[in-house]
Amino acid sequence: MKIECCFWLIMLTLLPAFLFGALKSGTLEIATSTVEATTDIAVMKIQVPYFYGYENRVIAHWMNELVWNSTAEFVNEKVDQIHDSRKISLQEGGYMALGHIVVQGRAYKVNENVVSIVLDFYSYVPTAAHGNEWKKSFNMDLKRGELLTSSDLFFSKLDAIGKEIIKVIKSKPGRFFPGAIDVIEKHALRENFYLTEDSVVFYFGKYEISPGYVGVPEFKIPFSKLGINPVELGKSRGD
């Protein structure tokens, strides 16, 4: 089963948003679509944001495309892995439990020009010892239709952000590898972050700086602690 099989289910759940968006134009609106499906090989749960109503429909379409393409790529890859594992297991006379595929998406309107999307991915292939999880995010400038980098938003604050992350690591040494601080100090913060209405959240890959039981470690830093007014985020790039 490919994710295309669920496409029309997702579109049906979004029908009210489509109809409302056709009548209303201007302010960006965010709907949430949830689809749950069980096939002969996997249990799938998908919850993703959908954007509509924005005055620039090209940008809204681009945002939806980023979410959908990322979701489809992940689901199709995991379906193939589960299918291949099931085939091998059955050939060897074994029993194959159902796999699990989960996509949990959230979107935050930080201000009138900046939107942040974060997608949490989880999969379990029954032949594996345990499930796996990772995260992907997009930070968007609605006015320009561009992805925002950490330098675009926090160029003068990146050192302060790094110090806040190190404080958390030092306060919880049992949750992080001994070399975790070196990773923060020796490598510039990458684009592994998303924004909420009042904070910036940096995250790292599973096993990158912490044991597997921690999952995907996140560091939520309030804008107030960094002296940032969220209303002004993104405006310094100029018109």
C-alpha atoms as a PDB file:
ATOM      1  CA  MET A   1       0.000   0.000   0.000  1.00  0.00           C
ATOM      2  CA  LYS A   2       1.332   3.414  -0.956  1.00  0.00           C
ATOM      3  CA  ILE A   3       0.338   6.654   0.712  1.00  0.00           C
ATOM      4  CA  GLU A   4      -1.554   7.624  -2.446  1.00  0.00           C
ATOM      5  CA  CYS A   5      -4.234   5.172  -1.264  1.00  0.00           C
ATOM      6  CA  CYS A   6      -5.005   7.538   1.617  1.00  0.00           C
ATOM      7  CA  PHE A   7      -4.951  10.702  -0.482  1.00  0.00           C
ATOM      8  CA  TRP A   8      -8.688  10.897  -1.040  1.00  0.00           C
ATOM      9  CA  LEU A   9      -9.400  10.128   2.608  1.00  0.00           C
ATOM     10  CA  ILE A  10      -7.283  13.112   3.583  1.00  0.00           C
ATOM     11  CA  MET A  11      -8.939  15.296   0.958  1.00  0.00           C
ATOM     12  CA  LEU A  12     -12.398  14.367   2.278  1.00  0.00           C
ATOM     13  CA  THR A  13     -11.450  15.373   5.816  1.00  0.00           C
ATOM     14  CA  LEU A  14     -10.250  18.699   4.432  1.00  0.00           C
ATOM     15  CA  LEU A  15     -13.344  19.386   2.313  1.00  0.00           C
ATOM     16  CA  PRO A  16     -14.798  21.964   4.757  1.00  0.00           C
ATOM     17  CA  ALA A  17     -11.484  23.833   4.698  1.00  0.00           C
ATOM     18  CA  PHE A  18     -11.398  23.764   0.891  1.00  0.00           C
ATOM     19  CA  LEU A  19     -14.942  25.152   0.650  1.00  0.00           C
ATOM     20  CA  PHE A  20     -14.358  27.814   3.286  1.00  0.00           C
ATOM     21  CA  GLY A  21     -11.029  28.765   1.742  1.00  0.00           C
ATOM     22  CA  ALA A  22     -12.697  29.292  -1.626  1.00  0.00           C
ATOM     23  CA  LEU A  23     -15.025  31.849  -0.064  1.00  0.00           C
ATOM     24  CA  LYS A  24     -12.539  33.545   2.232  1.00  0.00           C
ATOM     25  CA  SER A  25      -9.250  35.073   1.151  1.00  0.00           C
ATOM     26  CA  GLY A  26      -6.725  37.015   3.176  1.00  0.00           C
ATOM     27  CA  THR A  27      -5.639  35.658   6.544  1.00  0.00           C
ATOM     28  CA  LEU A  28      -3.830  32.333   6.618  1.00  0.00           C
ATOM     29  CA  GLU A  29      -5.944  29.613   8.229  1.00  0.00           C
ATOM     30  CA  ILE A  30      -4.724  26.227   9.456  1.00  0.00           C
ATOM     31  CA  ALA A  31      -6.795  23.049   9.461  1.00  0.00           C
ATOM     32  CA  THR A  32      -5.740  19.660  10.816  1.00  0.00           C
ATOM     33  CA  SER A  33      -6.453  16.431   8.987  1.00  0.00           C
ATOM     34  CA  THR A  34      -6.306  13.083  10.774  1.00  0.00           C
ATOM     35  CA  VAL A  35      -6.368   9.780   8.910  1.00  0.00           C
ATOM     36  CA  GLU A  36      -6.122   6.359  10.538  1.00  0.00           C
ATOM     37  CA  ALA A  37      -5.896   3.224   8.418  1.00  0.00           C
ATOM     38  CA  THR A  38      -5.024  -0.422   8.988  1.00  0.00           C
ATOM     39  CA  THR A  39      -3.880  -2.609   6.103  1.00  0.00           C
ATOM     40  CA  ASP A  40      -2.672  -6.182   5.936  1.00  0.00           C
ATOM     41  CA  ILE A  41       0.872  -5.051   6.815  1.00  0.00           C
ATOM     42  CA  ALA A  42       0.694  -1.851   8.870  1.00  0.00           C
ATOM     43  CA  VAL A  43      -1.235   0.461  11.149  1.00  0.00           C
ATOM     44  CA  MET A  44      -0.995   4.039   9.914  1.00  0.00           C
ATOM     45  CA  LYS A  45      -1.846   7.277  11.706  1.00  0.00           C
ATOM     46  CA  ILE A  46      -1.336  10.581   9.914  1.00  0.00           C
ATOM     47  CA  GLN A  47      -2.136  14.009  11.298  1.00  0.00           C
ATOM     48  CA  VAL A  48      -0.888  16.940   9.258  1.00  0.00           C
ATOM     49  CA  PRO A  49      -1.664  20.658   8.984  1.00  0.00           C
ATOM     50  CA  TYR A  50      -3.340  22.093   5.907  1.00  0.00           C
ATOM     51  CA  PHE A  51      -3.094  25.780   4.961  1.00  0.00           C
ATOM     52  CA  TYR A  52      -5.865  27.719   3.244  1.00  0.00           C
ATOM     53  CA  GLY A  53      -7.481  31.135   2.944  1.00  0.00           C
ATOM     54  CA  TYR A  54      -4.217  33.018   2.433  1.00  0.00           C
ATOM     55  CA  GLU A  55      -4.238  35.881  -0.061  1.00  0.00           C
ATOM     56  CA  ASN A  56      -1.261  34.395  -1.901  1.00  0.00           C
ATOM     57  CA  ARG A  57      -2.516  30.953  -2.884  1.00  0.00           C
ATOM     58  CA  VAL A  58       0.791  30.062  -4.541  1.00  0.00           C
ATOM     59  CA  ILE A  59       2.558  30.308  -1.186  1.00  0.00           C
ATOM     60  CA  ALA A  60      -0.193  28.358   0.595  1.00  0.00           C
ATOM     61  CA  HIS A  61       0.091  25.630  -2.044  1.00  0.00           C
ATOM     62  CA  TRP A  62       3.880  25.559  -1.604  1.00  0.00           C
ATOM     63  CA  MET A  63       3.499  25.100   2.157  1.00  0.00           C
ATOM     64  CA  ASN A  64       1.017  22.259   1.719  1.00  0.00           C
ATOM     65  CA  GLU A  65       3.281  20.648  -0.854  1.00  0.00           C
ATOM     66  CA  LEU A  66       6.238  20.667   1.557  1.00  0.00           C
ATOM     67  CA  VAL A  67       4.141  18.935   4.206  1.00  0.00           C
ATOM     68  CA  TRP A  68       2.600  16.416   1.839  1.00  0.00           C
ATOM     69  CA  ASN A  69       5.818  15.509   0.001  1.00  0.00           C
ATOM     70  CA  SER A  70       7.681  14.967   3.277  1.00  0.00           C
ATOM     71  CA  THR A  71       4.853  12.809   4.615  1.00  0.00           C
ATOM     72  CA  ALA A  72       4.500  10.785   1.414  1.00  0.00           C
ATOM     73  CA  GLU A  73       8.235  10.156   1.152  1.00  0.00           C
ATOM     74  CA  PHE A  74       8.404   8.883   4.729  1.00  0.00           C
ATOM     75  CA  VAL A  75       5.301   6.687   4.539  1.00  0.00           C
ATOM     76  CA  ASN A  76       6.190   5.123   1.195  1.00  0.00           C
ATOM     77  CA  GLU A  77       9.713   4.324   2.381  1.00  0.00           C
ATOM     78  CA  LYS A  78       8.427   2.650   5.554  1.00  0.00           C
ATOM     79  CA  VAL A  79       5.709   0.721   3.719  1.00  0.00           C
ATOM     80  CA  ASP A  80       8.384  -0.700   1.412  1.00  0.00           C
ATOM     81  CA  GLN A  81      10.574  -1.659   4.386  1.00  0.00           C
ATOM     82  CA  ILE A  82       7.689  -3.369   6.187  1.00  0.00           C
ATOM     83  CA  HIS A  83       6.642  -5.176   3.010  1.00  0.00           C
ATOM     84  CA  ASP A  84      10.181  -6.464   2.379  1.00  0.00           C
ATOM     85  CA  SER A  85      10.591  -7.596   5.995  1.00  0.00           C
ATOM     86  CA  ARG A  86       7.235  -9.348   5.917  1.00  0.00           C
ATOM     87  CA  LYS A  87       8.123 -11.156   2.703  1.00  0.00           C
ATOM     88  CA  ILE A  88      11.393 -12.475   4.143  1.00  0.00           C
ATOM     89  CA  SER A  89       9.741 -13.512   7.414  1.00  0.00           C
ATOM     90  CA  LEU A  90       6.950 -15.418   5.674  1.00  0.00           C
ATOM     91  CA  GLN A  91       9.422 -17.167   3.375  1.00  0.00           C
ATOM     92  CA  GLU A  92      11.233 -18.409   6.468  1.00  0.00           C
ATOM     93  CA  GLY A  93       7.982 -19.635   7.989  1.00  0.00           C
ATOM     94  CA  GLY A  94       7.849 -16.952  10.646  1.00  0.00           C
ATOM     95  CA  TYR A  95       5.008 -14.789  11.910  1.00  0.00           C
ATOM     96  CA  MET A  96       4.923 -11.124  10.994  1.00  0.00           C
ATOM     97  CA  ALA A  97       3.173  -8.632  13.250  1.00  0.00           C
ATOM     98  CA  LEU A  98       1.806  -5.390  11.852  1.00  0.00           C
ATOM     99  CA  GLY A  99       4.183  -2.492  11.382  1.00  0.00           C
ATOM    100  CA  HIS A 100       3.420   1.017  12.603  1.00  0.00           C
ATOM    101  CA  ILE A 101       3.737   4.311  10.740  1.00  0.00           C
ATOM    102  CA  VAL A 102       2.918   7.595  12.475  1.00  0.00           C
ATOM    103  CA  VAL A 103       3.181  11.187  11.267  1.00  0.00           C
ATOM    104  CA  GLN A 104       2.238  13.941  13.710  1.00  0.00           C
ATOM    105  CA  GLY A 105       2.365  17.462  12.298  1.00  0.00           C
ATOM    106  CA  ARG A 106       1.912  20.851  13.954  1.00  0.00           C
ATOM    107  CA  ALA A 107       1.976  24.412  12.662  1.00  0.00           C
ATOM    108  CA  TYR A 108       2.493  27.671  14.544  1.00  0.00           C
ATOM    109  CA  LYS A 109       1.708  31.198  13.393  1.00  0.00           C
ATOM    110  CA  VAL A 110       4.454  33.173  15.121  1.00  0.00           C
ATOM    111  CA  ASN A 111       3.379  36.488  13.614  1.00  0.00           C
ATOM    112  CA  GLU A 112       1.642  37.720  10.460  1.00  0.00           C
ATOM    113  CA  ASN A 113       4.653  36.861   8.282  1.00  0.00           C
ATOM    114  CA  VAL A 114       6.288  33.843   9.943  1.00  0.00           C
ATOM    115  CA  VAL A 115       4.893  30.303  10.176  1.00  0.00           C
ATOM    116  CA  SER A 116       6.690  27.262  11.537  1.00  0.00           C
ATOM    117  CA  ILE A 117       5.878  23.623  10.780  1.00  0.00           C
ATOM    118  CA  VAL A 118       7.219  20.574  12.602  1.00  0.00           C
ATOM    119  CA  LEU A 119       6.618  16.968  11.568  1.00  0.00           C
ATOM    120  CA  ASP A 120       7.262  14.101  13.990  1.00  0.00           C
ATOM    121  CA  PHE A 121       7.842  10.737  12.307  1.00  0.00           C
ATOM    122  CA  TYR A 122       7.710   7.321  13.961  1.00  0.00           C
ATOM    123  CA  SER A 123       7.963   3.876  12.421  1.00  0.00           C
ATOM    124  CA  TYR A 124       8.221   0.320  13.613  1.00  0.00           C
ATOM    125  CA  VAL A 125       9.301  -2.477  11.289  1.00  0.00           C
ATOM    126  CA  PRO A 126       8.454  -5.744  13.107  1.00  0.00           C
ATOM    127  CA  THR A 127      11.806  -7.395  12.368  1.00  0.00           C
ATOM    128  CA  ALA A 128      13.608  -4.492  14.083  1.00  0.00           C
ATOM    129  CA  ALA A 129      14.487  -4.490  17.782  1.00  0.00           C
ATOM    130  CA  HIS A 130      12.563  -1.265  18.365  1.00  0.00           C
ATOM    131  CA  GLY A 131      10.871   1.631  16.607  1.00  0.00           C
ATOM    132  CA  ASN A 132      12.610   4.666  15.189  1.00  0.00           C
ATOM    133  CA  GLU A 133      11.720   8.342  15.281  1.00  0.00           C
ATOM    134  CA  TRP A 134      12.911  11.588  13.791  1.00  0.00           C
ATOM    135  CA  LYS A 135      11.770  15.123  13.182  1.00  0.00           C
ATOM    136  CA  LYS A 136      11.653  17.603  10.307  1.00  0.00           C
ATOM    137  CA  SER A 137      10.766  21.287  10.343  1.00  0.00           C
ATOM    138  CA  PHE A 138      10.143  24.224   8.025  1.00  0.00           C
ATOM    139  CA  ASN A 139      10.270  27.885   9.040  1.00  0.00           C
ATOM    140  CA  MET A 140       8.600  30.106   6.474  1.00  0.00           C
ATOM    141  CA  ASP A 141       8.495  33.718   5.423  1.00  0.00           C
ATOM    142  CA  LEU A 142       4.947  34.157   4.117  1.00  0.00           C
ATOM    143  CA  LYS A 143       5.622  37.495   2.459  1.00  0.00           C
ATOM    144  CA  ARG A 144       8.506  36.209   0.321  1.00  0.00           C
ATOM    145  CA  GLY A 145       7.585  32.552   0.083  1.00  0.00           C
ATOM    146  CA  GLU A 146      11.003  31.492   1.379  1.00  0.00           C
ATOM    147  CA  LEU A 147      12.389  29.183   4.037  1.00  0.00           C
ATOM    148  CA  LEU A 148      13.976  31.009   6.958  1.00  0.00           C
ATOM    149  CA  THR A 149      17.311  29.944   8.437  1.00  0.00           C
ATOM    150  CA  SER A 150      18.537  30.317  12.002  1.00  0.00           C
ATOM    151  CA  SER A 151      20.814  33.141  10.808  1.00  0.00           C
ATOM    152  CA  ASP A 152      17.845  34.946   9.245  1.00  0.00           C
ATOM    153  CA  LEU A 153      16.025  34.920  12.561  1.00  0.00           C
ATOM    154  CA  PHE A 154      18.635  34.754  15.333  1.00  0.00           C
ATOM    155  CA  PHE A 155      21.991  35.798  13.880  1.00  0.00           C
ATOM    156  CA  SER A 156      22.947  37.860  16.937  1.00  0.00           C
ATOM    157  CA  LYS A 157      21.407  35.357  19.364  1.00  0.00           C
ATOM    158  CA  LEU A 158      22.939  32.047  18.256  1.00  0.00           C
ATOM    159  CA  ASP A 159      25.692  32.145  20.896  1.00  0.00           C
ATOM    160  CA  ALA A 160      23.106  32.812  23.602  1.00  0.00           C
ATOM    161  CA  ILE A 161      20.953  29.954  22.314  1.00  0.00           C
ATOM    162  CA  GLY A 162      23.937  27.598  22.407  1.00  0.00           C
ATOM    163  CA  LYS A 163      24.668  28.596  26.010  1.00  0.00           C
ATOM    164  CA  GLU A 164      21.060  27.941  27.036  1.00  0.00           C
ATOM    165  CA  ILE A 165      21.213  24.468  25.480  1.00  0.00           C
ATOM    166  CA  ILE A 166      24.461  23.708  27.318  1.00  0.00           C
ATOM    167  CA  LYS A 167      22.859  24.796  30.610  1.00  0.00           C
ATOM    168  CA  VAL A 168      20.134  22.198  30.137  1.00  0.00           C
ATOM    169  CA  ILE A 169      22.650  19.469  29.286  1.00  0.00           C
ATOM    170  CA  LYS A 170      24.720  20.257  32.388  1.00  0.00           C
ATOM    171  CA  SER A 171      21.616  20.200  34.584  1.00  0.00           C
ATOM    172  CA  LYS A 172      20.626  16.706  33.373  1.00  0.00           C
ATOM    173  CA  PRO A 173      23.913  14.836  32.797  1.00  0.00           C
ATOM    174  CA  GLY A 174      22.294  11.398  32.934  1.00  0.00           C
ATOM    175  CA  ARG A 175      20.181  12.136  29.872  1.00  0.00           C
ATOM    176  CA  PHE A 176      23.050  13.078  27.558  1.00  0.00           C
ATOM    177  CA  PHE A 177      26.266  11.542  26.256  1.00  0.00           C
ATOM    178  CA  PRO A 178      29.555  12.858  27.751  1.00  0.00           C
ATOM    179  CA  GLY A 179      30.413  14.476  24.417  1.00  0.00           C
ATOM    180  CA  ALA A 180      27.087  16.281  24.018  1.00  0.00           C
ATOM    181  CA  ILE A 181      28.470  19.676  25.026  1.00  0.00           C
ATOM    182  CA  ASP A 182      31.321  19.307  22.519  1.00  0.00           C
ATOM    183  CA  VAL A 183      28.744  18.809  19.775  1.00  0.00           C
ATOM    184  CA  ILE A 184      27.095  22.107  20.713  1.00  0.00           C
ATOM    185  CA  GLU A 185      30.348  24.040  21.170  1.00  0.00           C
ATOM    186  CA  LYS A 186      32.247  22.786  18.123  1.00  0.00           C
ATOM    187  CA  HIS A 187      29.449  22.723  15.580  1.00  0.00           C
ATOM    188  CA  ALA A 188      27.331  25.710  14.611  1.00  0.00           C
ATOM    189  CA  LEU A 189      23.630  25.283  15.295  1.00  0.00           C
ATOM    190  CA  ARG A 190      22.045  23.955  12.134  1.00  0.00           C
ATOM    191  CA  GLU A 191      18.548  24.358  10.751  1.00  0.00           C
ATOM    192  CA  ASN A 192      17.145  21.779  13.167  1.00  0.00           C
ATOM    193  CA  PHE A 193      14.690  24.123  14.859  1.00  0.00           C
ATOM    194  CA  TYR A 194      11.104  25.267  14.848  1.00  0.00           C
ATOM    195  CA  LEU A 195       9.196  28.142  16.414  1.00  0.00           C
ATOM    196  CA  THR A 196       6.150  28.323  18.635  1.00  0.00           C
ATOM    197  CA  GLU A 197       4.223  31.465  19.542  1.00  0.00           C
ATOM    198  CA  ASP A 198       6.592  32.175  22.444  1.00  0.00           C
ATOM    199  CA  SER A 199       9.741  30.053  21.997  1.00  0.00           C
ATOM    200  CA  VAL A 200      12.362  28.629  19.686  1.00  0.00           C
ATOM    201  CA  VAL A 201      12.891  24.869  19.900  1.00  0.00           C
ATOM    202  CA  PHE A 202      16.155  23.281  18.741  1.00  0.00           C
ATOM    203  CA  TYR A 203      16.277  19.507  18.379  1.00  0.00           C
ATOM    204  CA  PHE A 204      18.862  16.846  17.587  1.00  0.00           C
ATOM    205  CA  GLY A 205      18.735  13.410  16.030  1.00  0.00           C
ATOM    206  CA  LYS A 206      18.054  10.318  18.076  1.00  0.00           C
ATOM    207  CA  TYR A 207      21.386   8.989  19.450  1.00  0.00           C
ATOM    208  CA  GLU A 208      23.186  12.159  18.319  1.00  0.00           C
ATOM    209  CA  ILE A 209      23.744  13.607  21.792  1.00  0.00           C
ATOM    210  CA  SER A 210      21.689  11.299  24.031  1.00  0.00           C
ATOM    211  CA  PRO A 211      20.763   7.626  24.575  1.00  0.00           C
ATOM    212  CA  GLY A 212      17.903   6.087  22.641  1.00  0.00           C
ATOM    213  CA  TYR A 213      15.462   6.178  25.563  1.00  0.00           C
ATOM    214  CA  VAL A 214      15.497   9.994  25.406  1.00  0.00           C
ATOM    215  CA  GLY A 215      14.090   9.897  21.886  1.00  0.00           C
ATOM    216  CA  VAL A 216      14.593  13.070  19.854  1.00  0.00           C
ATOM    217  CA  PRO A 217      15.966  15.606  22.378  1.00  0.00           C
ATOM    218  CA  GLU A 218      14.442  19.083  22.264  1.00  0.00           C
ATOM    219  CA  PHE A 219      15.521  22.335  23.883  1.00  0.00           C
ATOM    220  CA  LYS A 220      12.749  24.905  24.234  1.00  0.00           C
ATOM    221  CA  ILE A 221      14.032  28.427  24.845  1.00  0.00           C
ATOM    222  CA  PRO A 222      11.500  31.215  25.502  1.00  0.00           C
ATOM    223  CA  PHE A 223      11.859  34.322  23.344  1.00  0.00           C
ATOM    224  CA  SER A 224      11.684  36.380  26.542  1.00  0.00           C
ATOM    225  CA  LYS A 225      14.898  34.771  27.793  1.00  0.00           C
ATOM    226  CA  LEU A 226      16.634  35.810  24.570  1.00  0.00           C
ATOM    227  CA  GLY A 227      15.224  39.333  24.522  1.00  0.00           C
ATOM    228  CA  ILE A 228      13.257  38.609  21.339  1.00  0.00           C
ATOM    229  CA  ASN A 229       9.889  40.116  20.482  1.00  0.00           C
ATOM    230  CA  PRO A 230       8.130  37.446  18.358  1.00  0.00           C
ATOM    231  CA  VAL A 231       6.115  40.130  16.556  1.00  0.00           C
ATOM    232  CA  GLU A 232       9.382  41.454  15.102  1.00  0.00           C
ATOM    233  CA  LEU A 233      10.798  38.099  13.982  1.00  0.00           C
ATOM    234  CA  GLY A 234      11.645  38.084  10.284  1.00  0.00           C
ATOM    235  CA  LYS A 235      11.165  41.828   9.815  1.00  0.00           C
ATOM    236  CA  SER A 236      14.871  42.663   9.964  1.00  0.00           C
ATOM    237  CA  ARG A 237      15.347  41.050   6.545  1.00  0.00           C
ATOM    238  CA  GLY A 238      13.854  44.155   4.961  1.00  0.00           C
ATOM    239  CA  ASP A 239      11.104  44.531   2.391  1.00  0.00           C
END
